[in-house]
Amino acid sequence: MITINHGTKSFGKQNVFSDISLNINHPGMYALWGESGCGKSTLMNIIAGYDRFDEGSVVSEGTVMTIFQNYELIDQLNVYDNITLGKEFPEGSESMLEVLQLKDLLKQYPSELSGGQKQRVGIARALIHQPSIICCDEPTESLDIENRHIVMDLLKQYSRDHIVIMATHQKEAVDQYADHVIRIVDHGLVFEEGTYSDRTIVKEKEIQYDRKTINTLVHQIISKKNRLFVLLFALLLVLGQASSLIRQVLFYVPDEQSTLIADYVFVKCSDTTLMEQVGLYGPDRILDFTDLRYENQDWQVNIYPYSGNPKGLQISGKDPTGLSVLINQNTAEALFDGKWENQTLPLCMLVSPYVVDVEASVSGVIEEPDTGAMNIYYSMHAMMQYISNQQTREGQDLDRYFLETEDDYQVKVGYDRIPEIFENVKGRRNIQITSPYYEEKLYEKNKGQMYEYMFTAMTFIILIMLSVFVCVVTGKDTITAQKSFVVLMSQNMDEKLIQSCYLKQKLLPVVIVCLVDGLSVLILKMVFPYISAISCLCMSGVELILYILTLYVYGRRLRKEQISTMMKEDI
């Protein structure tokens, strides 16, 4: 049943076995005996398939089950599930549970058991399905004297028609229970044969674990930590995306500027040729006004000629005609609390050194949502007609005097060209330009730049935290679950099926989170068309790829050979 052919094993420069051979073909208790560190556990691992020789081979015909020295129970399963691992109790197993005093402990969890009780659960798990070969690594080390005899008697009885290999350094156990002794001496094996029984090894029942059973066990092992991981993953992902979206919303600059003066620059220059040199063509003269004084209070308002409503902004009332003016919503709220009908404004027209007072009625309110400034619009034609009836002290018509002396203009250039115009004017002393709406937005941008940087930094910090979380926690959870999975593998469950179930259960919830997150971002994109959905989708995509890669790297470690690292390396 067990054949070792010329096996050699070493760890680094330390030689453990040199050209060993062994044949075990009869039932009985085989004691693997030797001093601590001689290689007992290593040979047990190789026989069970958890390790391999550097050279040579081992062949085990039949199922090999292991009674681990350190119990190796699965913390997430109760005693019943730790013993059966998804199967039903075979007939006649009740007597074994009574002998091991486990019948009253079936609903308890490993954390509620003593060391001796855990050891007995491990023994029951190895014996429950009656495998052909049992490997025991110091099976009674955690038991008191009474339970030690119970367990050894049970193993002795089992060895009547099965192979039981027991690694021990206790000579008393060897003398009392062993049928045959395998001593490890000078990196080799000395087989001391005893009396062979005339009984034959009982043919074992093949135990098959289907995908459903393995999937259920994997779920029980990882579900609690997996739920917590998915919750924290979703939370960090949403926080990172929220930071990015808030930044986009708070510091969004609209493509269309919903104010009448957005496309204009206002120029003070007496030389039209110089204006053309800086890119200003077709200037229109405008009037100059002093600051507005209304109800004994000075107001910072902008007063411009009305050039129509090409942007189609909403107007309540009428366009300005005659000596009436059109005001925006900010002016209406500040001066009249929104009640603008039948109101008048005292304007002071400045044709230096003359000041012309105009009592202008409010004809309507225009909505300019993209500006916080107070704007007033007048009819240039009507105002010029009004001052044409005025004269200077020298008797000259004021409108003619205005045309000869004043050099204030407005030029429509388009909002996108305003930065270029400002750049062209730099260093020129004979021309001054302003663009109130552009300068307002530039001021807001500069003022909010620090906060924009703060949100950007916060987004990157959260994404770095999420990436570290994905790598570290995924690795840690996989390593933690590995101990439980290799126990399943020790019961001859298919390691590739365990890997598949684990990866699916770990990956599926995160994929669902990313899909729901992506759908939510697309819905937000429909509500706020100006936000960038690509950046948010890239965040979830990058983190998902990172998670898949981390799972793949750590998932490859879920192999049966890892069982040997759990066991006491007694080499």
Protein backbone atom coordinates (compact mmCIF):
# COMPACT_ATOMS: atom_id res chain seq x y z
CA MET A 1 0.00 0.00 0.00
CA ILE A 2 2.93 2.36 0.63
CA THR A 3 6.16 2.11 -1.36
CA ILE A 4 9.15 4.42 -1.02
CA ASN A 5 11.89 4.08 -3.62
CA HIS A 6 15.32 5.64 -3.02
CA GLY A 7 14.01 8.83 -1.46
CA THR A 8 16.35 11.76 -0.77
CA LYS A 9 15.35 14.95 1.01
CA SER A 10 17.19 18.00 2.29
CA PHE A 11 16.41 21.53 3.42
CA GLY A 12 19.13 23.82 2.18
CA LYS A 13 22.43 22.34 3.35
CA GLN A 14 20.73 20.14 5.96
CA ASN A 15 20.35 16.58 4.77
CA VAL A 16 17.27 14.79 6.13
CA PHE A 17 17.03 11.50 4.18
CA SER A 18 19.59 9.74 1.99
CA ASP A 19 18.41 7.04 -0.41
CA ILE A 20 15.67 5.55 1.79
CA SER A 21 13.29 2.77 0.73
CA LEU A 22 10.28 1.25 2.49
CA ASN A 23 7.38 -1.12 1.77
CA ILE A 24 4.22 -1.34 3.88
CA ASN A 25 1.64 -3.80 2.56
CA HIS A 26 -0.12 -5.12 5.67
CA PRO A 27 -2.48 -3.60 8.22
CA GLY A 28 -1.07 -2.71 11.59
CA MET A 29 0.30 0.05 13.83
CA TYR A 30 3.60 1.33 12.44
CA ALA A 31 5.56 3.53 14.84
CA LEU A 32 7.80 6.10 13.20
CA TRP A 33 10.31 6.63 15.98
CA GLY A 34 13.29 8.86 16.41
CA GLU A 35 14.70 11.83 18.21
CA SER A 36 13.22 15.30 17.78
CA GLY A 37 14.43 16.83 14.55
CA CYS A 38 15.28 13.55 12.85
CA GLY A 39 12.62 13.95 10.10
CA LYS A 40 9.51 12.15 11.38
CA SER A 41 7.06 14.89 10.37
CA THR A 42 8.79 15.37 7.04
CA LEU A 43 8.41 11.67 6.17
CA MET A 44 4.75 11.77 7.28
CA ASN A 45 4.12 14.78 5.03
CA ILE A 46 5.72 13.01 2.07
CA ILE A 47 3.67 9.84 2.61
CA ALA A 48 0.47 11.92 2.90
CA GLY A 49 1.33 13.85 -0.28
CA TYR A 50 1.92 17.21 1.40
CA ASP A 51 5.62 17.27 0.52
CA ARG A 52 7.87 15.45 -1.89
CA PHE A 53 11.33 13.94 -2.11
CA ASP A 54 14.07 15.83 -3.90
CA GLU A 55 14.90 12.55 -5.55
CA GLY A 56 13.07 9.22 -5.48
CA SER A 57 9.36 8.50 -5.24
CA VAL A 58 6.58 7.45 -2.90
CA VAL A 59 3.44 5.60 -3.96
CA SER A 60 0.40 5.34 -1.68
CA GLU A 61 -2.41 3.08 -2.81
CA GLY A 62 -5.58 4.18 -1.09
CA THR A 63 -6.71 7.30 0.72
CA VAL A 64 -4.35 8.83 3.27
CA MET A 65 -5.85 10.87 6.11
CA THR A 66 -3.83 12.83 8.65
CA ILE A 67 -4.27 13.47 12.35
CA PHE A 68 -2.41 16.76 12.72
CA GLN A 69 -0.31 17.49 15.76
CA ASN A 70 -1.75 21.03 16.03
CA TYR A 71 -5.41 19.97 15.56
CA GLU A 72 -5.90 22.14 12.43
CA LEU A 73 -9.62 22.64 12.93
CA ILE A 74 -11.56 25.16 10.84
CA ASP A 75 -12.61 27.97 13.17
CA GLN A 76 -15.71 28.90 11.15
CA LEU A 77 -17.20 25.37 11.36
CA ASN A 78 -18.71 23.71 14.42
CA VAL A 79 -17.54 20.32 15.64
CA TYR A 80 -20.07 18.43 13.53
CA ASP A 81 -19.01 20.19 10.31
CA ASN A 82 -15.30 19.91 11.21
CA ILE A 83 -15.71 16.13 11.42
CA THR A 84 -18.00 15.52 8.44
CA LEU A 85 -16.93 18.41 6.13
CA GLY A 86 -20.25 18.49 4.35
CA LYS A 87 -21.03 14.75 4.44
CA GLU A 88 -23.39 12.77 6.63
CA PHE A 89 -22.18 10.60 9.51
CA PRO A 90 -21.54 7.08 8.17
CA GLU A 91 -23.39 4.23 9.85
CA GLY A 92 -21.74 3.01 13.04
CA SER A 93 -19.84 6.27 13.64
CA GLU A 94 -21.90 7.08 16.76
CA SER A 95 -19.90 4.60 18.82
CA MET A 96 -16.65 6.31 17.83
CA LEU A 97 -18.07 9.70 18.89
CA GLU A 98 -19.06 8.21 22.24
CA VAL A 99 -15.59 6.73 22.75
CA LEU A 100 -14.04 10.11 21.94
CA GLN A 101 -16.63 11.88 24.14
CA LEU A 102 -17.73 14.21 21.35
CA LYS A 103 -21.49 13.61 21.10
CA ASP A 104 -22.30 16.53 23.39
CA LEU A 105 -19.88 18.88 21.62
CA LEU A 106 -21.17 18.68 18.04
CA LYS A 107 -22.71 22.20 18.01
CA GLN A 108 -19.74 23.92 19.61
CA TYR A 109 -17.00 25.79 17.75
CA PRO A 110 -13.21 25.27 18.07
CA SER A 111 -12.83 28.46 20.11
CA GLU A 112 -15.04 26.87 22.76
CA LEU A 113 -12.98 23.67 23.05
CA SER A 114 -9.95 22.71 25.10
CA GLY A 115 -6.77 21.46 23.47
CA GLY A 116 -7.63 17.85 24.22
CA GLN A 117 -11.14 18.22 22.81
CA LYS A 118 -9.74 19.77 19.62
CA GLN A 119 -7.33 16.86 19.25
CA ARG A 120 -10.17 14.36 19.60
CA VAL A 121 -12.18 16.24 16.93
CA GLY A 122 -9.16 15.96 14.60
CA ILE A 123 -8.95 12.24 15.28
CA ALA A 124 -12.65 11.76 14.60
CA ARG A 125 -12.32 13.68 11.31
CA ALA A 126 -9.52 11.38 10.14
CA LEU A 127 -11.34 8.17 11.13
CA ILE A 128 -14.93 9.01 10.21
CA HIS A 129 -14.78 7.77 6.62
CA GLN A 130 -12.40 4.88 7.37
CA PRO A 131 -9.50 5.58 4.99
CA SER A 132 -6.98 2.87 4.19
CA ILE A 133 -4.07 4.79 5.72
CA ILE A 134 -3.95 7.07 8.78
CA CYS A 135 -0.89 9.22 9.49
CA CYS A 136 -0.68 10.50 13.07
CA ASP A 137 1.86 13.10 14.15
CA GLU A 138 2.09 12.87 17.95
CA PRO A 139 -1.68 12.16 18.17
CA THR A 140 -1.91 12.13 21.97
CA GLU A 141 0.45 14.97 22.89
CA SER A 142 -2.39 17.30 23.98
CA LEU A 143 -4.37 14.66 25.85
CA ASP A 144 -4.43 13.71 29.51
CA ILE A 145 -3.54 10.18 30.52
CA GLU A 146 -7.09 8.85 30.47
CA ASN A 147 -7.90 10.24 27.01
CA ARG A 148 -4.49 9.23 25.76
CA HIS A 149 -5.28 5.58 26.44
CA ILE A 150 -8.74 5.96 24.91
CA VAL A 151 -7.35 7.41 21.68
CA MET A 152 -4.47 4.92 21.43
CA ASP A 153 -6.81 2.00 22.02
CA LEU A 154 -9.09 3.36 19.29
CA LEU A 155 -6.20 3.70 16.85
CA LYS A 156 -4.90 0.29 17.79
CA GLN A 157 -8.27 -1.24 17.07
CA TYR A 158 -8.47 0.65 13.76
CA SER A 159 -5.05 -0.69 12.77
CA ARG A 160 -6.34 -4.27 12.83
CA ASP A 161 -7.50 -3.90 9.22
CA HIS A 162 -5.97 -0.54 8.21
CA ILE A 163 -2.51 0.99 8.11
CA VAL A 164 -1.81 3.44 10.95
CA ILE A 165 1.53 5.25 10.93
CA MET A 166 2.25 7.08 14.16
CA ALA A 167 5.16 9.50 14.52
CA THR A 168 6.29 9.67 18.14
CA HIS A 169 9.34 10.12 20.30
CA GLN A 170 7.71 8.34 23.29
CA LYS A 171 9.21 4.89 23.70
CA GLU A 172 6.38 3.88 26.02
CA ALA A 173 3.84 4.33 23.22
CA VAL A 174 6.06 2.36 20.85
CA ASP A 175 6.46 -0.55 23.26
CA GLN A 176 2.78 -0.66 24.20
CA TYR A 177 1.00 -0.16 20.89
CA ALA A 178 3.33 -0.59 17.90
CA ASP A 179 3.20 -3.70 15.76
CA HIS A 180 6.19 -2.56 13.74
CA VAL A 181 8.81 0.11 14.31
CA ILE A 182 10.41 2.35 11.68
CA ARG A 183 13.42 4.06 13.22
CA ILE A 184 15.11 7.04 11.64
CA VAL A 185 18.86 6.69 12.13
CA ASP A 186 21.63 8.65 10.38
CA HIS A 187 19.32 9.97 7.62
CA GLY A 188 18.10 6.47 6.84
CA LEU A 189 15.31 4.08 7.86
CA VAL A 190 15.65 0.93 9.96
CA PHE A 191 12.51 -1.20 9.69
CA GLU A 192 11.98 -3.49 12.70
CA GLU A 193 9.28 -5.94 11.72
CA GLY A 194 6.91 -7.32 14.29
CA THR A 195 4.19 -9.92 13.93
CA TYR A 196 1.94 -9.43 10.91
CA SER A 197 -1.78 -9.96 11.26
CA ASP A 198 -3.50 -12.39 8.96
CA ARG A 199 -6.21 -9.81 8.37
CA THR A 200 -6.34 -7.91 5.08
CA ILE A 201 -6.79 -4.20 4.63
CA VAL A 202 -10.49 -3.33 4.41
CA LYS A 203 -11.44 -1.88 1.08
CA GLU A 204 -12.36 1.73 1.67
CA LYS A 205 -15.41 3.50 0.34
CA GLU A 206 -14.40 6.22 -2.07
CA ILE A 207 -15.58 9.61 -0.83
CA GLN A 208 -16.36 12.17 -3.52
CA TYR A 209 -16.82 15.84 -2.69
CA ASP A 210 -18.88 17.58 -5.36
CA ARG A 211 -18.64 21.25 -6.26
CA LYS A 212 -21.76 22.17 -4.28
CA THR A 213 -20.34 20.72 -1.05
CA ILE A 214 -16.96 22.40 -1.52
CA ASN A 215 -18.63 25.69 -2.45
CA THR A 216 -20.69 25.57 0.75
CA LEU A 217 -17.62 24.87 2.90
CA VAL A 218 -15.64 27.66 1.24
CA HIS A 219 -18.56 30.04 1.81
CA GLN A 220 -18.72 29.15 5.49
CA ILE A 221 -14.97 29.73 5.83
CA ILE A 222 -14.70 33.11 4.10
CA SER A 223 -18.19 34.67 4.23
CA LYS A 224 -17.76 36.83 7.34
CA LYS A 225 -14.44 38.38 6.34
CA ASN A 226 -15.52 38.60 2.72
CA ARG A 227 -18.61 40.66 3.63
CA LEU A 228 -16.46 43.05 5.66
CA PHE A 229 -13.92 43.31 2.83
CA VAL A 230 -16.58 44.05 0.20
CA LEU A 231 -18.21 46.66 2.47
CA LEU A 232 -14.91 48.48 3.07
CA PHE A 233 -13.93 48.17 -0.61
CA ALA A 234 -17.23 49.74 -1.68
CA LEU A 235 -16.95 52.48 0.97
CA LEU A 236 -13.40 53.48 -0.03
CA LEU A 237 -14.25 53.34 -3.74
CA VAL A 238 -17.33 55.55 -3.26
CA LEU A 239 -15.35 57.99 -1.09
CA GLY A 240 -12.65 58.31 -3.75
CA GLN A 241 -15.17 58.82 -6.52
CA ALA A 242 -17.26 61.20 -4.40
CA SER A 243 -14.19 63.34 -3.78
CA SER A 244 -13.52 63.47 -7.52
CA LEU A 245 -17.16 64.23 -8.38
CA ILE A 246 -17.49 66.92 -5.70
CA ARG A 247 -14.38 68.59 -7.08
CA GLN A 248 -15.84 68.52 -10.58
CA VAL A 249 -19.19 69.93 -9.45
CA LEU A 250 -17.81 72.64 -7.16
CA PHE A 251 -15.22 73.89 -9.62
CA TYR A 252 -17.16 73.37 -12.82
CA VAL A 253 -16.79 76.16 -15.37
CA PRO A 254 -19.68 76.01 -17.87
CA ASP A 255 -18.91 76.02 -21.59
CA GLU A 256 -21.71 78.52 -22.21
CA GLN A 257 -21.46 81.69 -20.15
CA SER A 258 -24.98 82.73 -19.21
CA THR A 259 -24.39 86.45 -18.99
CA LEU A 260 -24.66 89.14 -21.68
CA ILE A 261 -21.14 90.55 -21.28
CA ALA A 262 -19.22 87.26 -21.26
CA ASP A 263 -17.92 87.74 -24.83
CA TYR A 264 -16.92 91.37 -24.41
CA VAL A 265 -13.85 93.31 -23.35
CA PHE A 266 -14.10 96.93 -22.36
CA VAL A 267 -11.32 99.18 -23.60
CA LYS A 268 -9.99 102.61 -22.71
CA CYS A 269 -7.82 103.74 -25.61
CA SER A 270 -7.68 106.72 -27.94
CA ASP A 271 -5.84 104.91 -30.74
CA THR A 272 -7.96 102.49 -32.77
CA THR A 273 -4.85 101.37 -34.67
CA LEU A 274 -3.30 100.20 -31.40
CA MET A 275 -6.49 98.30 -30.63
CA GLU A 276 -6.22 96.46 -33.93
CA GLN A 277 -2.61 95.57 -33.15
CA VAL A 278 -3.71 93.65 -30.03
CA GLY A 279 -6.57 91.94 -31.86
CA LEU A 280 -9.49 94.28 -31.07
CA TYR A 281 -11.60 94.99 -34.16
CA GLY A 282 -14.89 96.84 -34.56
CA PRO A 283 -14.99 98.73 -31.24
CA ASP A 284 -18.26 100.38 -30.19
CA ARG A 285 -18.31 103.49 -28.04
CA ILE A 286 -19.89 103.23 -24.62
CA LEU A 287 -20.82 105.70 -21.90
CA ASP A 288 -19.15 105.94 -18.52
CA PHE A 289 -21.11 106.07 -15.29
CA THR A 290 -20.20 106.82 -11.71
CA ASP A 291 -20.92 104.33 -8.93
CA LEU A 292 -24.61 103.91 -8.19
CA ARG A 293 -25.92 105.62 -5.08
CA TYR A 294 -29.33 104.34 -4.07
CA GLU A 295 -31.15 105.11 -0.83
CA ASN A 296 -28.06 106.75 0.68
CA GLN A 297 -25.88 103.73 0.00
CA ASP A 298 -23.15 103.21 -2.59
CA TRP A 299 -23.44 100.08 -4.73
CA GLN A 300 -20.75 98.39 -6.83
CA VAL A 301 -22.62 97.84 -10.09
CA ASN A 302 -21.58 97.39 -13.73
CA ILE A 303 -23.44 99.52 -16.27
CA TYR A 304 -23.23 98.48 -19.93
CA PRO A 305 -25.01 99.25 -23.20
CA TYR A 306 -27.64 96.68 -24.14
CA SER A 307 -26.67 94.84 -27.33
CA GLY A 308 -29.55 92.43 -27.52
CA ASN A 309 -30.01 88.94 -26.04
CA PRO A 310 -28.15 86.54 -28.38
CA LYS A 311 -27.80 83.90 -25.64
CA GLY A 312 -31.55 83.67 -25.19
CA LEU A 313 -31.48 84.41 -21.47
CA GLN A 314 -34.80 84.63 -19.66
CA ILE A 315 -36.19 88.16 -19.34
CA SER A 316 -39.05 89.20 -17.11
CA GLY A 317 -40.40 92.48 -18.45
CA LYS A 318 -39.08 94.29 -21.52
CA ASP A 319 -35.84 95.26 -23.20
CA PRO A 320 -34.60 98.74 -22.28
CA THR A 321 -35.96 101.58 -24.41
CA GLY A 322 -35.71 105.31 -23.88
CA LEU A 323 -34.37 106.08 -20.44
CA SER A 324 -35.29 102.68 -19.01
CA VAL A 325 -32.77 100.03 -17.96
CA LEU A 326 -32.69 96.24 -17.81
CA ILE A 327 -31.21 94.84 -14.57
CA ASN A 328 -30.05 91.31 -13.74
CA GLN A 329 -31.42 89.19 -10.92
CA ASN A 330 -28.58 90.09 -8.56
CA THR A 331 -29.36 93.79 -8.85
CA ALA A 332 -33.08 93.15 -8.43
CA GLU A 333 -32.53 91.16 -5.23
CA ALA A 334 -29.98 93.53 -3.70
CA LEU A 335 -31.85 96.78 -4.42
CA PHE A 336 -35.52 95.82 -4.51
CA ASP A 337 -35.77 92.39 -2.82
CA GLY A 338 -36.95 91.09 -6.18
CA LYS A 339 -39.83 93.60 -6.45
CA TRP A 340 -38.52 95.59 -9.41
CA GLU A 341 -41.77 96.66 -11.06
CA ASN A 342 -42.30 100.47 -11.14
CA GLN A 343 -38.86 101.10 -9.68
CA THR A 344 -36.39 103.74 -10.84
CA LEU A 345 -32.63 104.14 -10.50
CA PRO A 346 -30.65 107.40 -10.28
CA LEU A 347 -27.81 107.02 -12.78
CA CYS A 348 -24.96 109.52 -13.10
CA MET A 349 -23.53 109.65 -16.62
CA LEU A 350 -19.93 110.91 -16.69
CA VAL A 351 -18.72 112.94 -19.68
CA SER A 352 -15.67 114.39 -17.98
CA PRO A 353 -15.79 116.91 -16.43
CA TYR A 354 -19.58 116.95 -16.82
CA VAL A 355 -22.01 114.73 -14.91
CA VAL A 356 -25.49 114.12 -16.27
CA ASP A 357 -28.15 112.76 -13.91
CA VAL A 358 -30.61 110.31 -15.38
CA GLU A 359 -33.67 108.95 -13.61
CA ALA A 360 -33.95 105.56 -15.30
CA SER A 361 -36.99 103.33 -14.89
CA VAL A 362 -36.54 99.56 -14.58
CA SER A 363 -38.05 97.86 -17.64
CA GLY A 364 -37.29 94.26 -16.66
CA VAL A 365 -34.99 91.66 -15.13
CA ILE A 366 -32.68 89.35 -17.07
CA GLU A 367 -31.51 86.09 -15.52
CA GLU A 368 -27.71 85.74 -15.58
CA PRO A 369 -27.08 82.60 -13.49
CA ASP A 370 -23.31 82.39 -14.12
CA THR A 371 -22.37 85.65 -12.45
CA GLY A 372 -22.57 87.08 -8.96
CA ALA A 373 -22.11 90.66 -10.21
CA MET A 374 -24.81 93.37 -10.25
CA ASN A 375 -25.33 94.38 -13.89
CA ILE A 376 -27.44 97.17 -15.40
CA TYR A 377 -28.06 97.51 -19.16
CA TYR A 378 -29.11 100.72 -20.92
CA SER A 379 -30.04 101.73 -24.43
CA MET A 380 -27.00 103.45 -25.98
CA HIS A 381 -29.12 105.11 -28.67
CA ALA A 382 -31.57 106.54 -26.15
CA MET A 383 -28.83 107.80 -23.84
CA MET A 384 -27.03 109.51 -26.72
CA GLN A 385 -30.30 111.19 -27.71
CA TYR A 386 -30.72 112.34 -24.12
CA ILE A 387 -27.29 113.95 -23.87
CA SER A 388 -27.69 115.50 -27.32
CA ASN A 389 -30.08 117.92 -25.67
CA GLN A 390 -27.40 118.88 -23.16
CA GLN A 391 -24.64 121.41 -23.71
CA THR A 392 -21.24 122.15 -22.26
CA ARG A 393 -20.42 125.40 -20.56
CA GLU A 394 -18.97 126.61 -23.83
CA GLY A 395 -22.30 125.89 -25.61
CA GLN A 396 -21.14 122.79 -27.46
CA ASP A 397 -23.59 119.88 -27.78
CA LEU A 398 -22.66 117.31 -25.14
CA ASP A 399 -22.99 114.36 -27.51
CA ARG A 400 -20.50 115.94 -29.90
CA TYR A 401 -18.20 116.73 -26.98
CA PHE A 402 -18.50 113.08 -25.87
CA LEU A 403 -17.47 111.78 -29.28
CA GLU A 404 -14.46 114.10 -29.38
CA THR A 405 -13.11 113.53 -25.85
CA GLU A 406 -14.16 110.13 -24.51
CA ASP A 407 -12.29 106.94 -25.44
CA ASP A 408 -14.31 104.15 -23.78
CA TYR A 409 -15.23 101.21 -26.03
CA GLN A 410 -16.63 97.72 -25.92
CA VAL A 411 -15.41 95.01 -28.31
CA LYS A 412 -16.98 91.61 -28.85
CA VAL A 413 -14.14 89.06 -29.12
CA GLY A 414 -15.61 85.79 -27.83
CA TYR A 415 -14.97 84.37 -24.37
CA ASP A 416 -12.28 81.92 -25.51
CA ARG A 417 -10.14 84.74 -26.97
CA ILE A 418 -10.17 86.96 -23.88
CA PRO A 419 -7.03 85.40 -22.29
CA GLU A 420 -5.19 85.98 -25.58
CA ILE A 421 -6.26 89.64 -25.65
CA PHE A 422 -5.09 90.17 -22.08
CA GLU A 423 -1.74 88.63 -23.00
CA ASN A 424 -1.41 90.91 -26.04
CA VAL A 425 -2.08 94.04 -23.97
CA LYS A 426 0.57 93.25 -21.35
CA GLY A 427 3.27 95.92 -21.18
CA ARG A 428 1.34 98.48 -23.30
CA ARG A 429 0.73 101.76 -21.47
CA ASN A 430 -1.66 103.47 -23.90
CA ILE A 431 -4.41 100.88 -23.70
CA GLN A 432 -6.39 99.50 -20.78
CA ILE A 433 -8.85 96.63 -20.96
CA THR A 434 -11.22 94.93 -18.58
CA SER A 435 -13.53 91.95 -18.90
CA PRO A 436 -15.59 91.83 -15.68
CA TYR A 437 -17.11 88.41 -16.21
CA TYR A 438 -13.78 86.80 -17.23
CA GLU A 439 -11.98 88.46 -14.31
CA GLU A 440 -14.73 87.35 -11.93
CA LYS A 441 -14.32 83.73 -13.04
CA LEU A 442 -10.54 83.99 -12.93
CA TYR A 443 -10.74 85.30 -9.36
CA GLU A 444 -13.09 82.49 -8.34
CA LYS A 445 -10.82 79.93 -9.97
CA ASN A 446 -7.70 81.24 -8.22
CA LYS A 447 -9.57 81.52 -4.94
CA GLY A 448 -10.85 77.96 -5.20
CA GLN A 449 -7.64 76.47 -6.56
CA MET A 450 -6.38 75.55 -3.10
CA TYR A 451 -9.62 73.71 -2.37
CA GLU A 452 -9.49 72.04 -5.77
CA TYR A 453 -5.97 70.83 -5.00
CA MET A 454 -7.23 69.63 -1.64
CA PHE A 455 -9.99 67.55 -3.23
CA THR A 456 -7.57 66.20 -5.83
CA ALA A 457 -5.08 65.21 -3.12
CA MET A 458 -7.89 63.66 -1.08
CA THR A 459 -8.96 61.60 -4.10
CA PHE A 460 -5.43 60.28 -4.64
CA ILE A 461 -4.98 59.55 -0.93
CA ILE A 462 -8.22 57.56 -0.81
CA LEU A 463 -7.28 55.63 -3.97
CA ILE A 464 -3.86 54.83 -2.54
CA MET A 465 -5.53 53.67 0.68
CA LEU A 466 -7.93 51.53 -1.37
CA SER A 467 -5.06 50.01 -3.37
CA VAL A 468 -3.09 49.23 -0.22
CA PHE A 469 -6.25 47.86 1.38
CA VAL A 470 -6.94 45.62 -1.63
CA CYS A 471 -3.39 44.22 -1.72
CA VAL A 472 -2.78 43.85 2.02
CA VAL A 473 -6.20 42.63 3.15
CA THR A 474 -6.68 40.31 0.17
CA GLY A 475 -3.28 38.77 0.84
CA LYS A 476 -3.89 38.52 4.57
CA ASP A 477 -7.38 37.02 4.15
CA THR A 478 -6.10 34.50 1.61
CA ILE A 479 -3.23 33.45 3.86
CA THR A 480 -5.64 33.13 6.79
CA ALA A 481 -8.11 31.08 4.75
CA GLN A 482 -5.26 28.96 3.38
CA LYS A 483 -4.96 27.09 6.67
CA SER A 484 -8.59 26.02 6.44
CA PHE A 485 -8.37 25.18 2.75
CA VAL A 486 -5.37 22.92 3.11
CA VAL A 487 -7.32 21.05 5.78
CA LEU A 488 -9.99 20.46 3.15
CA MET A 489 -7.28 19.33 0.75
CA SER A 490 -5.97 16.96 3.40
CA GLN A 491 -9.36 15.24 3.19
CA ASN A 492 -8.71 14.59 -0.52
CA MET A 493 -10.83 17.46 -1.82
CA ASP A 494 -9.71 18.66 -5.22
CA GLU A 495 -7.41 21.66 -4.75
CA LYS A 496 -8.29 23.18 -8.13
CA LEU A 497 -11.98 23.01 -7.24
CA ILE A 498 -11.27 24.68 -3.90
CA GLN A 499 -9.27 27.40 -5.68
CA SER A 500 -12.07 27.89 -8.20
CA CYS A 501 -14.78 28.20 -5.54
CA TYR A 502 -12.64 30.55 -3.48
CA LEU A 503 -11.77 32.85 -6.38
CA LYS A 504 -15.38 32.94 -7.55
CA GLN A 505 -16.77 33.80 -4.11
CA LYS A 506 -14.09 36.44 -3.55
CA LEU A 507 -14.37 37.97 -6.99
CA LEU A 508 -18.11 37.95 -7.69
CA PRO A 509 -19.21 40.41 -4.94
CA VAL A 510 -16.47 42.89 -5.91
CA VAL A 511 -17.43 42.66 -9.59
CA ILE A 512 -21.07 43.31 -8.61
CA VAL A 513 -19.98 46.32 -6.52
CA CYS A 514 -18.00 47.70 -9.48
CA LEU A 515 -20.91 47.14 -11.89
CA VAL A 516 -23.42 48.83 -9.57
CA ASP A 517 -20.92 51.63 -9.00
CA GLY A 518 -20.41 52.07 -12.74
CA LEU A 519 -24.18 52.17 -13.32
CA SER A 520 -24.56 54.77 -10.57
CA VAL A 521 -21.83 56.92 -12.14
CA LEU A 522 -23.56 56.74 -15.54
CA ILE A 523 -26.84 57.83 -13.94
CA LEU A 524 -25.04 60.76 -12.30
CA LYS A 525 -23.59 61.59 -15.72
CA MET A 526 -27.14 61.87 -17.06
CA VAL A 527 -28.11 64.20 -14.22
CA PHE A 528 -24.89 66.25 -14.36
CA PRO A 529 -23.70 66.04 -18.00
CA TYR A 530 -20.55 68.05 -17.31
CA ILE A 531 -18.97 65.57 -14.88
CA SER A 532 -16.35 63.09 -16.13
CA ALA A 533 -17.69 59.55 -15.87
CA ILE A 534 -14.48 58.21 -17.42
CA SER A 535 -12.34 59.12 -14.40
CA CYS A 536 -14.71 57.37 -11.98
CA LEU A 537 -15.05 54.29 -14.18
CA CYS A 538 -11.25 54.13 -14.48
CA MET A 539 -10.97 54.20 -10.68
CA SER A 540 -13.22 51.17 -10.23
CA GLY A 541 -11.64 49.42 -13.23
CA VAL A 542 -8.08 49.88 -11.94
CA GLU A 543 -9.01 48.70 -8.45
CA LEU A 544 -10.86 45.68 -9.87
CA ILE A 545 -7.84 44.71 -11.99
CA LEU A 546 -5.55 45.18 -8.99
CA TYR A 547 -7.86 42.98 -6.91
CA ILE A 548 -7.92 40.26 -9.58
CA LEU A 549 -4.13 40.27 -9.84
CA THR A 550 -3.73 40.11 -6.06
CA LEU A 551 -6.22 37.24 -5.85
CA TYR A 552 -4.38 35.42 -8.62
CA VAL A 553 -0.98 35.83 -6.94
CA TYR A 554 -2.15 34.68 -3.52
CA GLY A 555 -4.64 32.13 -4.90
CA ARG A 556 -1.77 30.23 -6.49
CA ARG A 557 -0.54 29.45 -2.97
CA LEU A 558 -3.62 27.38 -2.20
CA ARG A 559 -1.93 24.04 -2.84
CA LYS A 560 -1.87 20.75 -1.02
CA GLU A 561 1.88 21.06 -0.54
CA GLN A 562 1.21 23.97 1.84
CA ILE A 563 -0.11 21.53 4.45
CA SER A 564 3.42 20.67 5.47
CA THR A 565 4.06 24.27 6.53
CA MET A 566 1.23 24.00 9.05
CA MET A 567 2.57 20.91 10.68
CA LYS A 568 5.38 20.83 13.17
CA GLU A 569 8.59 20.53 11.20
CA ASP A 570 10.24 17.79 13.23
CA ILE A 571 13.30 17.34 11.02
